[in-house]
Amino acid sequence: LTTVGQITIPAQASHLPKITNTSSIVNCANNNEISG
């Protein structure tokens, strides 16, 4: 959502990136968005 309306960034890859860790993989903060 931008100041001039909603825009879509089309997928730039054929599959999702993989993320791992030996403890929490993604640690959130306030007002985050996690997608794809």
PDB file of all heavy atoms in Angstrom:
ATOM      1  N   LEU A   1       0.859  -1.169   0.000  1.00  0.00           N
ATOM      2  CA  LEU A   1       0.000   0.000   0.000  1.00  0.00           C
ATOM      3  C   LEU A   1       0.904   1.230   0.000  1.00  0.00           C
ATOM      4  O   LEU A   1       1.750   1.385   0.884  1.00  0.00           O
ATOM      5  CB  LEU A   1      -0.907  -0.001   1.223  1.00  0.00           C
ATOM      6  CG  LEU A   1      -1.920   1.124   1.304  1.00  0.00           C
ATOM      7  CD1 LEU A   1      -2.852   1.092   0.089  1.00  0.00           C
ATOM      8  CD2 LEU A   1      -2.726   1.003   2.583  1.00  0.00           C
ATOM      9  N   THR A   2       0.765   2.087  -0.998  1.00  0.00           N
ATOM     10  CA  THR A   2       1.585   3.299  -1.117  1.00  0.00           C
ATOM     11  C   THR A   2       0.693   4.527  -0.994  1.00  0.00           C
ATOM     12  O   THR A   2      -0.533   4.404  -0.929  1.00  0.00           O
ATOM     13  CB  THR A   2       2.328   3.348  -2.466  1.00  0.00           C
ATOM     14  OG1 THR A   2       1.373   3.609  -3.512  1.00  0.00           O
ATOM     15  CG2 THR A   2       3.065   2.045  -2.749  1.00  0.00           C
ATOM     16  N   THR A   3       1.276   5.683  -1.019  1.00  0.00           N
ATOM     17  CA  THR A   3       0.504   6.925  -0.943  1.00  0.00           C
ATOM     18  C   THR A   3      -0.346   7.155  -2.180  1.00  0.00           C
ATOM     19  O   THR A   3      -1.252   7.975  -2.159  1.00  0.00           O
ATOM     20  CB  THR A   3       1.436   8.131  -0.730  1.00  0.00           C
ATOM     21  OG1 THR A   3       2.380   8.170  -1.799  1.00  0.00           O
ATOM     22  CG2 THR A   3       2.155   8.044   0.605  1.00  0.00           C
ATOM     23  N   VAL A   4      -0.056   6.454  -3.277  1.00  0.00           N
ATOM     24  CA  VAL A   4      -0.847   6.593  -4.506  1.00  0.00           C
ATOM     25  C   VAL A   4      -1.692   5.351  -4.769  1.00  0.00           C
ATOM     26  O   VAL A   4      -2.219   5.176  -5.864  1.00  0.00           O
ATOM     27  CB  VAL A   4       0.050   6.907  -5.728  1.00  0.00           C
ATOM     28  CG1 VAL A   4       0.702   8.266  -5.585  1.00  0.00           C
ATOM     29  CG2 VAL A   4       1.104   5.829  -5.922  1.00  0.00           C
ATOM     30  N   GLY A   5      -1.817   4.492  -3.795  1.00  0.00           N
ATOM     31  CA  GLY A   5      -2.638   3.292  -3.952  1.00  0.00           C
ATOM     32  C   GLY A   5      -1.826   2.014  -3.794  1.00  0.00           C
ATOM     33  O   GLY A   5      -0.642   2.042  -3.451  1.00  0.00           O
ATOM     34  N   GLN A   6      -2.486   0.927  -4.068  1.00  0.00           N
ATOM     35  CA  GLN A   6      -1.874  -0.386  -3.918  1.00  0.00           C
ATOM     36  C   GLN A   6      -1.098  -0.768  -5.173  1.00  0.00           C
ATOM     37  O   GLN A   6      -1.558  -0.529  -6.282  1.00  0.00           O
ATOM     38  CB  GLN A   6      -2.985  -1.404  -3.672  1.00  0.00           C
ATOM     39  CG  GLN A   6      -2.515  -2.771  -3.309  1.00  0.00           C
ATOM     40  CD  GLN A   6      -3.688  -3.649  -2.889  1.00  0.00           C
ATOM     41  OE1 GLN A   6      -4.597  -3.199  -2.201  1.00  0.00           O
ATOM     42  NE2 GLN A   6      -3.674  -4.886  -3.316  1.00  0.00           N
ATOM     43  N   ILE A   7       0.107  -1.335  -4.978  1.00  0.00           N
ATOM     44  CA  ILE A   7       0.888  -1.843  -6.103  1.00  0.00           C
ATOM     45  C   ILE A   7       1.251  -3.292  -5.821  1.00  0.00           C
ATOM     46  O   ILE A   7       1.318  -3.721  -4.673  1.00  0.00           O
ATOM     47  CB  ILE A   7       2.172  -1.025  -6.364  1.00  0.00           C
ATOM     48  CG1 ILE A   7       3.134  -1.102  -5.173  1.00  0.00           C
ATOM     49  CG2 ILE A   7       1.856   0.409  -6.720  1.00  0.00           C
ATOM     50  CD1 ILE A   7       4.527  -0.593  -5.463  1.00  0.00           C
ATOM     51  N   THR A   8       1.475  -4.047  -6.881  1.00  0.00           N
ATOM     52  CA  THR A   8       1.885  -5.440  -6.745  1.00  0.00           C
ATOM     53  C   THR A   8       3.243  -5.625  -7.380  1.00  0.00           C
ATOM     54  O   THR A   8       3.469  -5.230  -8.526  1.00  0.00           O
ATOM     55  CB  THR A   8       0.866  -6.387  -7.411  1.00  0.00           C
ATOM     56  OG1 THR A   8      -0.387  -6.226  -6.744  1.00  0.00           O
ATOM     57  CG2 THR A   8       1.304  -7.835  -7.304  1.00  0.00           C
ATOM     58  N   ILE A   9       4.145  -6.228  -6.624  1.00  0.00           N
ATOM     59  CA  ILE A   9       5.457  -6.614  -7.147  1.00  0.00           C
ATOM     60  C   ILE A   9       5.309  -8.061  -7.599  1.00  0.00           C
ATOM     61  O   ILE A   9       5.079  -8.949  -6.769  1.00  0.00           O
ATOM     62  CB  ILE A   9       6.547  -6.519  -6.064  1.00  0.00           C
ATOM     63  CG1 ILE A   9       6.617  -5.109  -5.486  1.00  0.00           C
ATOM     64  CG2 ILE A   9       7.903  -6.968  -6.611  1.00  0.00           C
ATOM     65  CD1 ILE A   9       7.429  -4.998  -4.215  1.00  0.00           C
ATOM     66  N   PRO A  10       5.403  -8.335  -8.902  1.00  0.00           N
ATOM     67  CA  PRO A  10       5.244  -9.724  -9.354  1.00  0.00           C
ATOM     68  C   PRO A  10       6.405 -10.590  -8.877  1.00  0.00           C
ATOM     69  O   PRO A  10       7.513 -10.098  -8.635  1.00  0.00           O
ATOM     70  CB  PRO A  10       5.238  -9.620 -10.879  1.00  0.00           C
ATOM     71  CG  PRO A  10       5.647  -8.244 -11.218  1.00  0.00           C
ATOM     72  CD  PRO A  10       5.629  -7.409  -9.986  1.00  0.00           C
ATOM     73  N   ALA A  11       6.125 -11.886  -8.709  1.00  0.00           N
ATOM     74  CA  ALA A  11       7.163 -12.830  -8.285  1.00  0.00           C
ATOM     75  C   ALA A  11       8.375 -12.714  -9.202  1.00  0.00           C
ATOM     76  O   ALA A  11       8.241 -12.641 -10.423  1.00  0.00           O
ATOM     77  CB  ALA A  11       6.612 -14.247  -8.300  1.00  0.00           C
ATOM     78  N   GLN A  12       9.558 -12.711  -8.615  1.00  0.00           N
ATOM     79  CA  GLN A  12      10.812 -12.598  -9.357  1.00  0.00           C
ATOM     80  C   GLN A  12      11.593 -13.912  -9.368  1.00  0.00           C
ATOM     81  O   GLN A  12      12.721 -13.956  -9.865  1.00  0.00           O
ATOM     82  CB  GLN A  12      11.682 -11.500  -8.728  1.00  0.00           C
ATOM     83  CG  GLN A  12      11.018 -10.143  -8.675  1.00  0.00           C
ATOM     84  CD  GLN A  12      10.792  -9.549 -10.042  1.00  0.00           C
ATOM     85  OE1 GLN A  12      11.716  -9.455 -10.844  1.00  0.00           O
ATOM     86  NE2 GLN A  12       9.562  -9.181 -10.335  1.00  0.00           N
ATOM     87  N   ALA A  13      11.001 -14.974  -8.798  1.00  0.00           N
ATOM     88  CA  ALA A  13      11.658 -16.287  -8.726  1.00  0.00           C
ATOM     89  C   ALA A  13      10.581 -17.366  -8.835  1.00  0.00           C
ATOM     90  O   ALA A  13       9.397 -17.098  -8.631  1.00  0.00           O
ATOM     91  CB  ALA A  13      12.437 -16.426  -7.420  1.00  0.00           C
ATOM     92  N   SER A  14      11.015 -18.584  -9.129  1.00  0.00           N
ATOM     93  CA  SER A  14      10.058 -19.678  -9.311  1.00  0.00           C
ATOM     94  C   SER A  14       9.728 -20.420  -8.022  1.00  0.00           C
ATOM     95  O   SER A  14       8.797 -21.222  -8.001  1.00  0.00           O
ATOM     96  CB  SER A  14      10.599 -20.666 -10.349  1.00  0.00           C
ATOM     97  OG  SER A  14      11.836 -21.201  -9.910  1.00  0.00           O
ATOM     98  N   HIS A  15      10.464 -20.173  -6.934  1.00  0.00           N
ATOM     99  CA  HIS A  15      10.150 -20.818  -5.663  1.00  0.00           C
ATOM    100  C   HIS A  15      10.519 -19.906  -4.495  1.00  0.00           C
ATOM    101  O   HIS A  15      11.200 -18.903  -4.671  1.00  0.00           O
ATOM    102  CB  HIS A  15      10.802 -22.200  -5.543  1.00  0.00           C
ATOM    103  CG  HIS A  15      12.292 -22.204  -5.716  1.00  0.00           C
ATOM    104  ND1 HIS A  15      12.912 -22.147  -6.941  1.00  0.00           N
ATOM    105  CD2 HIS A  15      13.288 -22.257  -4.819  1.00  0.00           C
ATOM    106  CE1 HIS A  15      14.217 -22.162  -6.789  1.00  0.00           C
ATOM    107  NE2 HIS A  15      14.472 -22.226  -5.505  1.00  0.00           N
ATOM    108  N   LEU A  16      10.054 -20.292  -3.316  1.00  0.00           N
ATOM    109  CA  LEU A  16      10.268 -19.472  -2.118  1.00  0.00           C
ATOM    110  C   LEU A  16      11.674 -19.657  -1.564  1.00  0.00           C
ATOM    111  O   LEU A  16      12.219 -20.760  -1.606  1.00  0.00           O
ATOM    112  CB  LEU A  16       9.267 -19.878  -1.029  1.00  0.00           C
ATOM    113  CG  LEU A  16       7.787 -19.852  -1.387  1.00  0.00           C
ATOM    114  CD1 LEU A  16       6.961 -20.280  -0.177  1.00  0.00           C
ATOM    115  CD2 LEU A  16       7.363 -18.488  -1.880  1.00  0.00           C
ATOM    116  N   PRO A  17      12.256 -18.613  -1.001  1.00  0.00           N
ATOM    117  CA  PRO A  17      13.549 -18.758  -0.326  1.00  0.00           C
ATOM    118  C   PRO A  17      13.365 -19.527   0.986  1.00  0.00           C
ATOM    119  O   PRO A  17      12.374 -19.341   1.692  1.00  0.00           O
ATOM    120  CB  PRO A  17      13.988 -17.320  -0.072  1.00  0.00           C
ATOM    121  CG  PRO A  17      12.722 -16.535  -0.029  1.00  0.00           C
ATOM    122  CD  PRO A  17      11.785 -17.225  -0.974  1.00  0.00           C
ATOM    123  N   LYS A  18      14.331 -20.402   1.300  1.00  0.00           N
ATOM    124  CA  LYS A  18      14.299 -21.184   2.536  1.00  0.00           C
ATOM    125  C   LYS A  18      15.171 -20.509   3.580  1.00  0.00           C
ATOM    126  O   LYS A  18      16.298 -20.116   3.296  1.00  0.00           O
ATOM    127  CB  LYS A  18      14.841 -22.596   2.298  1.00  0.00           C
ATOM    128  CG  LYS A  18      13.952 -23.462   1.464  1.00  0.00           C
ATOM    129  CD  LYS A  18      14.543 -24.870   1.340  1.00  0.00           C
ATOM    130  CE  LYS A  18      13.674 -25.759   0.510  1.00  0.00           C
ATOM    131  NZ  LYS A  18      14.223 -27.123   0.432  1.00  0.00           N
ATOM    132  N   ILE A  19      14.624 -20.421   4.803  1.00  0.00           N
ATOM    133  CA  ILE A  19      15.365 -19.861   5.930  1.00  0.00           C
ATOM    134  C   ILE A  19      15.258 -20.830   7.100  1.00  0.00           C
ATOM    135  O   ILE A  19      14.188 -21.369   7.371  1.00  0.00           O
ATOM    136  CB  ILE A  19      14.825 -18.478   6.335  1.00  0.00           C
ATOM    137  CG1 ILE A  19      14.921 -17.486   5.184  1.00  0.00           C
ATOM    138  CG2 ILE A  19      15.577 -17.940   7.549  1.00  0.00           C
ATOM    139  CD1 ILE A  19      14.340 -16.120   5.485  1.00  0.00           C
ATOM    140  N   THR A  20      16.366 -21.052   7.801  1.00  0.00           N
ATOM    141  CA  THR A  20      16.378 -21.898   8.983  1.00  0.00           C
ATOM    142  C   THR A  20      17.291 -21.279  10.031  1.00  0.00           C
ATOM    143  O   THR A  20      17.881 -20.228   9.802  1.00  0.00           O
ATOM    144  CB  THR A  20      16.811 -23.346   8.630  1.00  0.00           C
ATOM    145  OG1 THR A  20      16.506 -24.199   9.728  1.00  0.00           O
ATOM    146  CG2 THR A  20      18.265 -23.434   8.262  1.00  0.00           C
ATOM    147  N   ASN A  21      17.391 -21.930  11.177  1.00  0.00           N
ATOM    148  CA  ASN A  21      18.265 -21.472  12.257  1.00  0.00           C
ATOM    149  C   ASN A  21      18.293 -22.559  13.322  1.00  0.00           C
ATOM    150  O   ASN A  21      17.452 -23.455  13.316  1.00  0.00           O
ATOM    151  CB  ASN A  21      17.748 -20.161  12.856  1.00  0.00           C
ATOM    152  CG  ASN A  21      18.778 -19.453  13.711  1.00  0.00           C
ATOM    153  OD1 ASN A  21      19.944 -19.846  13.768  1.00  0.00           O
ATOM    154  ND2 ASN A  21      18.365 -18.391  14.371  1.00  0.00           N
ATOM    155  N   THR A  22      19.224 -22.478  14.253  1.00  0.00           N
ATOM    156  CA  THR A  22      19.261 -23.419  15.363  1.00  0.00           C
ATOM    157  C   THR A  22      18.419 -22.940  16.538  1.00  0.00           C
ATOM    158  O   THR A  22      18.337 -23.614  17.551  1.00  0.00           O
ATOM    159  CB  THR A  22      20.704 -23.674  15.832  1.00  0.00           C
ATOM    160  OG1 THR A  22      21.287 -22.421  16.179  1.00  0.00           O
ATOM    161  CG2 THR A  22      21.514 -24.342  14.735  1.00  0.00           C
ATOM    162  N   SER A  23      17.808 -21.754  16.427  1.00  0.00           N
ATOM    163  CA  SER A  23      16.814 -21.281  17.389  1.00  0.00           C
ATOM    164  C   SER A  23      15.701 -20.625  16.573  1.00  0.00           C
ATOM    165  O   SER A  23      15.515 -20.990  15.421  1.00  0.00           O
ATOM    166  CB  SER A  23      17.442 -20.336  18.412  1.00  0.00           C
ATOM    167  OG  SER A  23      17.947 -19.200  17.794  1.00  0.00           O
ATOM    168  N   SER A  24      14.977 -19.669  17.111  1.00  0.00           N
ATOM    169  CA  SER A  24      13.885 -19.052  16.350  1.00  0.00           C
ATOM    170  C   SER A  24      14.393 -18.575  14.992  1.00  0.00           C
ATOM    171  O   SER A  24      15.448 -17.966  14.891  1.00  0.00           O
ATOM    172  CB  SER A  24      13.302 -17.879  17.134  1.00  0.00           C
ATOM    173  OG  SER A  24      12.718 -18.327  18.323  1.00  0.00           O
ATOM    174  N   ILE A  25      13.613 -18.845  13.968  1.00  0.00           N
ATOM    175  CA  ILE A  25      14.059 -18.549  12.605  1.00  0.00           C
ATOM    176  C   ILE A  25      13.765 -17.098  12.231  1.00  0.00           C
ATOM    177  O   ILE A  25      14.621 -16.400  11.705  1.00  0.00           O
ATOM    178  CB  ILE A  25      13.423 -19.545  11.627  1.00  0.00           C
ATOM    179  CG1 ILE A  25      13.922 -20.952  11.981  1.00  0.00           C
ATOM    180  CG2 ILE A  25      13.757 -19.189  10.185  1.00  0.00           C
ATOM    181  CD1 ILE A  25      13.101 -22.064  11.415  1.00  0.00           C
ATOM    182  N   VAL A  26      12.558 -16.643  12.491  1.00  0.00           N
ATOM    183  CA  VAL A  26      12.217 -15.232  12.293  1.00  0.00           C
ATOM    184  C   VAL A  26      11.726 -14.702  13.633  1.00  0.00           C
ATOM    185  O   VAL A  26      10.752 -15.215  14.187  1.00  0.00           O
ATOM    186  CB  VAL A  26      11.131 -15.042  11.217  1.00  0.00           C
ATOM    187  CG1 VAL A  26      10.777 -13.561  11.074  1.00  0.00           C
ATOM    188  CG2 VAL A  26      11.561 -15.619   9.877  1.00  0.00           C
ATOM    189  N   ASN A  27      12.402 -13.697  14.146  1.00  0.00           N
ATOM    190  CA  ASN A  27      11.980 -13.015  15.363  1.00  0.00           C
ATOM    191  C   ASN A  27      11.297 -11.721  14.963  1.00  0.00           C
ATOM    192  O   ASN A  27      11.913 -10.858  14.332  1.00  0.00           O
ATOM    193  CB  ASN A  27      13.182 -12.723  16.269  1.00  0.00           C
ATOM    194  CG  ASN A  27      13.724 -13.990  16.876  1.00  0.00           C
ATOM    195  OD1 ASN A  27      13.050 -14.656  17.646  1.00  0.00           O
ATOM    196  ND2 ASN A  27      14.948 -14.339  16.504  1.00  0.00           N
ATOM    197  N   CYS A  28      10.030 -11.604  15.313  1.00  0.00           N
ATOM    198  CA  CYS A  28       9.226 -10.446  14.923  1.00  0.00           C
ATOM    199  C   CYS A  28       9.470  -9.244  15.824  1.00  0.00           C
ATOM    200  O   CYS A  28       9.916  -9.381  16.957  1.00  0.00           O
ATOM    201  CB  CYS A  28       7.750 -10.796  15.009  1.00  0.00           C
ATOM    202  SG  CYS A  28       7.240 -12.158  13.963  1.00  0.00           S
ATOM    203  N   ALA A  29       9.118  -8.100  15.281  1.00  0.00           N
ATOM    204  CA  ALA A  29       9.011  -6.859  16.039  1.00  0.00           C
ATOM    205  C   ALA A  29       7.597  -6.334  15.775  1.00  0.00           C
ATOM    206  O   ALA A  29       6.776  -7.026  15.173  1.00  0.00           O
ATOM    207  CB  ALA A  29      10.078  -5.867  15.593  1.00  0.00           C
ATOM    208  N   ASN A  30       7.299  -5.130  16.196  1.00  0.00           N
ATOM    209  CA  ASN A  30       5.966  -4.575  16.001  1.00  0.00           C
ATOM    210  C   ASN A  30       5.720  -4.204  14.543  1.00  0.00           C
ATOM    211  O   ASN A  30       6.591  -3.666  13.866  1.00  0.00           O
ATOM    212  CB  ASN A  30       5.775  -3.340  16.882  1.00  0.00           C
ATOM    213  CG  ASN A  30       5.811  -3.702  18.344  1.00  0.00           C
ATOM    214  OD1 ASN A  30       5.038  -4.547  18.803  1.00  0.00           O
ATOM    215  ND2 ASN A  30       6.714  -3.091  19.079  1.00  0.00           N
ATOM    216  N   ASN A  31       4.508  -4.506  14.089  1.00  0.00           N
ATOM    217  CA  ASN A  31       4.043  -4.101  12.766  1.00  0.00           C
ATOM    218  C   ASN A  31       4.897  -4.649  11.630  1.00  0.00           C
ATOM    219  O   ASN A  31       5.253  -3.943  10.698  1.00  0.00           O
ATOM    220  CB  ASN A  31       3.940  -2.576  12.686  1.00  0.00           C
ATOM    221  CG  ASN A  31       3.080  -2.133  11.522  1.00  0.00           C
ATOM    222  OD1 ASN A  31       2.099  -2.779  11.186  1.00  0.00           O
ATOM    223  ND2 ASN A  31       3.467  -1.046  10.883  1.00  0.00           N
ATOM    224  N   ASN A  32       5.245  -5.937  11.692  1.00  0.00           N
ATOM    225  CA  ASN A  32       5.971  -6.608  10.609  1.00  0.00           C
ATOM    226  C   ASN A  32       4.987  -7.273   9.647  1.00  0.00           C
ATOM    227  O   ASN A  32       3.844  -7.532   9.991  1.00  0.00           O
ATOM    228  CB  ASN A  32       6.889  -7.711  11.143  1.00  0.00           C
ATOM    229  CG  ASN A  32       8.059  -7.207  11.953  1.00  0.00           C
ATOM    230  OD1 ASN A  32       8.527  -7.904  12.838  1.00  0.00           O
ATOM    231  ND2 ASN A  32       8.564  -6.018  11.686  1.00  0.00           N
ATOM    232  N   GLU A  33       5.480  -7.555   8.459  1.00  0.00           N
ATOM    233  CA  GLU A  33       4.768  -8.397   7.501  1.00  0.00           C
ATOM    234  C   GLU A  33       5.758  -9.431   6.995  1.00  0.00           C
ATOM    235  O   GLU A  33       6.872  -9.091   6.604  1.00  0.00           O
ATOM    236  CB  GLU A  33       4.205  -7.581   6.342  1.00  0.00           C
ATOM    237  CG  GLU A  33       3.399  -8.416   5.370  1.00  0.00           C
ATOM    238  CD  GLU A  33       2.719  -7.599   4.286  1.00  0.00           C
ATOM    239  OE1 GLU A  33       2.841  -6.359   4.272  1.00  0.00           O
ATOM    240  OE2 GLU A  33       2.064  -8.220   3.424  1.00  0.00           O
ATOM    241  N   ILE A  34       5.344 -10.699   7.014  1.00  0.00           N
ATOM    242  CA  ILE A  34       6.196 -11.805   6.575  1.00  0.00           C
ATOM    243  C   ILE A  34       5.425 -12.578   5.524  1.00  0.00           C
ATOM    244  O   ILE A  34       4.351 -13.122   5.802  1.00  0.00           O
ATOM    245  CB  ILE A  34       6.568 -12.714   7.760  1.00  0.00           C
ATOM    246  CG1 ILE A  34       7.264 -11.902   8.852  1.00  0.00           C
ATOM    247  CG2 ILE A  34       7.455 -13.867   7.285  1.00  0.00           C
ATOM    248  CD1 ILE A  34       7.311 -12.600  10.193  1.00  0.00           C
ATOM    249  N   SER A  35       5.958 -12.635   4.303  1.00  0.00           N
ATOM    250  CA  SER A  35       5.235 -13.246   3.193  1.00  0.00           C
ATOM    251  C   SER A  35       6.203 -13.886   2.199  1.00  0.00           C
ATOM    252  O   SER A  35       7.243 -13.315   1.870  1.00  0.00           O
ATOM    253  CB  SER A  35       4.423 -12.160   2.474  1.00  0.00           C
ATOM    254  OG  SER A  35       3.836 -12.654   1.299  1.00  0.00           O
ATOM    255  N   GLY A  36       5.849 -15.067   1.729  1.00  0.00           N
ATOM    256  CA  GLY A  36       6.615 -15.708   0.665  1.00  0.00           C
ATOM    257  C   GLY A  36       7.905 -16.357   1.107  1.00  0.00           C
ATOM    258  O   GLY A  36       8.845 -16.474   0.323  1.00  0.00           O
TER     259      GLY A  36
END
